[in-house]
Amino acid sequence: MLEAEADRFVLKEDGMRDFFDFCRDHMDAAGVSFRMDKEEWSPIAAAADILDSQWIDEVIANGLVTCHAQLILTGDEEVFAYEC
């Protein structure tokens, strides 16, 4: 989804990768800035780090991580700590 506003447009997160690629391939990206929500404006090149870390969103959203916990016991079999 794309919304135009004066000298900017609002783009949903799932379209950011395509927009970033378009800027890199077809524009002088030095003149393009972005921000997320109400944060400070950053050069579009800084979006690369954000896009590279988005894989974790998929892992979390799809429940691809399973945590296991076990007790750590003392020699007297008392709980000393927990390990995950």
C-alpha atoms as a PDB file:
ATOM      1  CA  MET A   1       0.000   0.000   0.000  1.00  0.00           C
ATOM      2  CA  LEU A   2       1.284   3.433  -0.947  1.00  0.00           C
ATOM      3  CA  GLU A   3      -0.052   6.811   0.157  1.00  0.00           C
ATOM      4  CA  ALA A   4       1.185  10.067  -1.396  1.00  0.00           C
ATOM      5  CA  GLU A   5       1.645  13.105   0.851  1.00  0.00           C
ATOM      6  CA  ALA A   6       3.014  16.371  -0.644  1.00  0.00           C
ATOM      7  CA  ASP A   7       6.755  15.742  -1.149  1.00  0.00           C
ATOM      8  CA  ARG A   8       6.782  12.239   0.328  1.00  0.00           C
ATOM      9  CA  PHE A   9       4.914   8.986   0.307  1.00  0.00           C
ATOM     10  CA  VAL A  10       4.068   6.436   2.945  1.00  0.00           C
ATOM     11  CA  LEU A  11       5.008   2.843   2.236  1.00  0.00           C
ATOM     12  CA  LYS A  12       4.195  -0.248   4.250  1.00  0.00           C
ATOM     13  CA  GLU A  13       7.116  -2.332   5.534  1.00  0.00           C
ATOM     14  CA  ASP A  14       6.556  -5.217   3.109  1.00  0.00           C
ATOM     15  CA  GLY A  15       7.177  -2.872   0.144  1.00  0.00           C
ATOM     16  CA  MET A  16      10.391  -1.414   1.505  1.00  0.00           C
ATOM     17  CA  ARG A  17      12.708  -4.008  -0.082  1.00  0.00           C
ATOM     18  CA  ASP A  18      11.360  -3.268  -3.579  1.00  0.00           C
ATOM     19  CA  PHE A  19      11.586   0.489  -3.013  1.00  0.00           C
ATOM     20  CA  PHE A  20      15.132   0.198  -1.670  1.00  0.00           C
ATOM     21  CA  ASP A  21      16.172  -1.863  -4.718  1.00  0.00           C
ATOM     22  CA  PHE A  22      14.504   0.637  -7.060  1.00  0.00           C
ATOM     23  CA  CYS A  23      16.337   3.562  -5.431  1.00  0.00           C
ATOM     24  CA  ARG A  24      19.663   1.758  -5.598  1.00  0.00           C
ATOM     25  CA  ASP A  25      19.213   0.686  -9.235  1.00  0.00           C
ATOM     26  CA  HIS A  26      17.438   3.669 -10.833  1.00  0.00           C
ATOM     27  CA  MET A  27      17.938   6.818  -8.768  1.00  0.00           C
ATOM     28  CA  ASP A  28      20.538   8.995  -7.160  1.00  0.00           C
ATOM     29  CA  ALA A  29      19.866   7.429  -3.776  1.00  0.00           C
ATOM     30  CA  ALA A  30      21.884  10.146  -2.006  1.00  0.00           C
ATOM     31  CA  GLY A  31      18.824  12.401  -2.265  1.00  0.00           C
ATOM     32  CA  VAL A  32      16.392   9.863  -0.800  1.00  0.00           C
ATOM     33  CA  SER A  33      15.649   9.655   2.930  1.00  0.00           C
ATOM     34  CA  PHE A  34      13.366   7.473   4.987  1.00  0.00           C
ATOM     35  CA  ARG A  35      12.101   7.184   8.522  1.00  0.00           C
ATOM     36  CA  MET A  36      10.143   4.644  10.468  1.00  0.00           C
ATOM     37  CA  ASP A  37       7.167   5.978  12.383  1.00  0.00           C
ATOM     38  CA  LYS A  38       8.231   9.248  14.049  1.00  0.00           C
ATOM     39  CA  GLU A  39      11.982   8.525  14.187  1.00  0.00           C
ATOM     40  CA  GLU A  40      14.626  10.776  12.641  1.00  0.00           C
ATOM     41  CA  TRP A  41      15.119  10.840   8.871  1.00  0.00           C
ATOM     42  CA  SER A  42      18.003   8.679   7.599  1.00  0.00           C
ATOM     43  CA  PRO A  43      19.591   8.205   4.165  1.00  0.00           C
ATOM     44  CA  ILE A  44      18.004   5.358   2.207  1.00  0.00           C
ATOM     45  CA  ALA A  45      21.355   3.513   2.295  1.00  0.00           C
ATOM     46  CA  ALA A  46      20.792   2.967   6.040  1.00  0.00           C
ATOM     47  CA  ALA A  47      17.734   0.866   5.193  1.00  0.00           C
ATOM     48  CA  ALA A  48      20.045  -1.959   4.096  1.00  0.00           C
ATOM     49  CA  ASP A  49      20.858  -2.832   7.711  1.00  0.00           C
ATOM     50  CA  ILE A  50      17.178  -2.877   8.645  1.00  0.00           C
ATOM     51  CA  LEU A  51      16.216  -4.999   5.651  1.00  0.00           C
ATOM     52  CA  ASP A  52      19.053  -7.439   6.311  1.00  0.00           C
ATOM     53  CA  SER A  53      17.768  -8.033   9.841  1.00  0.00           C
ATOM     54  CA  GLN A  54      14.124  -8.625   8.860  1.00  0.00           C
ATOM     55  CA  TRP A  55      14.638 -12.392   8.663  1.00  0.00           C
ATOM     56  CA  ILE A  56      14.150 -12.502  12.421  1.00  0.00           C
ATOM     57  CA  ASP A  57      10.619 -11.096  11.995  1.00  0.00           C
ATOM     58  CA  GLU A  58       9.701 -14.167   9.936  1.00  0.00           C
ATOM     59  CA  VAL A  59      11.268 -16.513  12.482  1.00  0.00           C
ATOM     60  CA  ILE A  60       9.259 -14.949  15.312  1.00  0.00           C
ATOM     61  CA  ALA A  61       5.996 -14.590  13.353  1.00  0.00           C
ATOM     62  CA  ASN A  62       6.068 -18.214  12.244  1.00  0.00           C
ATOM     63  CA  GLY A  63       7.065 -19.610  15.628  1.00  0.00           C
ATOM     64  CA  LEU A  64      10.257 -21.128  14.256  1.00  0.00           C
ATOM     65  CA  VAL A  65      12.092 -20.927  17.585  1.00  0.00           C
ATOM     66  CA  THR A  66      11.511 -23.444  20.327  1.00  0.00           C
ATOM     67  CA  CYS A  67      12.915 -22.732  23.769  1.00  0.00           C
ATOM     68  CA  HIS A  68      13.822 -25.479  26.181  1.00  0.00           C
ATOM     69  CA  ALA A  69      14.675 -25.002  29.848  1.00  0.00           C
ATOM     70  CA  GLN A  70      16.317 -27.288  32.316  1.00  0.00           C
ATOM     71  CA  LEU A  71      17.244 -27.067  35.925  1.00  0.00           C
ATOM     72  CA  ILE A  72      20.794 -26.782  37.154  1.00  0.00           C
ATOM     73  CA  LEU A  73      21.022 -28.607  40.451  1.00  0.00           C
ATOM     74  CA  THR A  74      23.501 -28.511  43.286  1.00  0.00           C
ATOM     75  CA  GLY A  75      25.125 -31.696  44.581  1.00  0.00           C
ATOM     76  CA  ASP A  76      22.243 -31.874  47.089  1.00  0.00           C
ATOM     77  CA  GLU A  77      19.759 -31.803  44.201  1.00  0.00           C
ATOM     78  CA  GLU A  78      18.529 -28.296  45.044  1.00  0.00           C
ATOM     79  CA  VAL A  79      17.733 -25.916  42.205  1.00  0.00           C
ATOM     80  CA  PHE A  80      20.724 -23.657  41.675  1.00  0.00           C
ATOM     81  CA  ALA A  81      19.686 -22.021  38.402  1.00  0.00           C
ATOM     82  CA  TYR A  82      17.824 -22.515  35.130  1.00  0.00           C
ATOM     83  CA  GLU A  83      19.336 -22.905  31.706  1.00  0.00           C
ATOM     84  CA  CYS A  84      17.593 -22.093  28.427  1.00  0.00           C
END
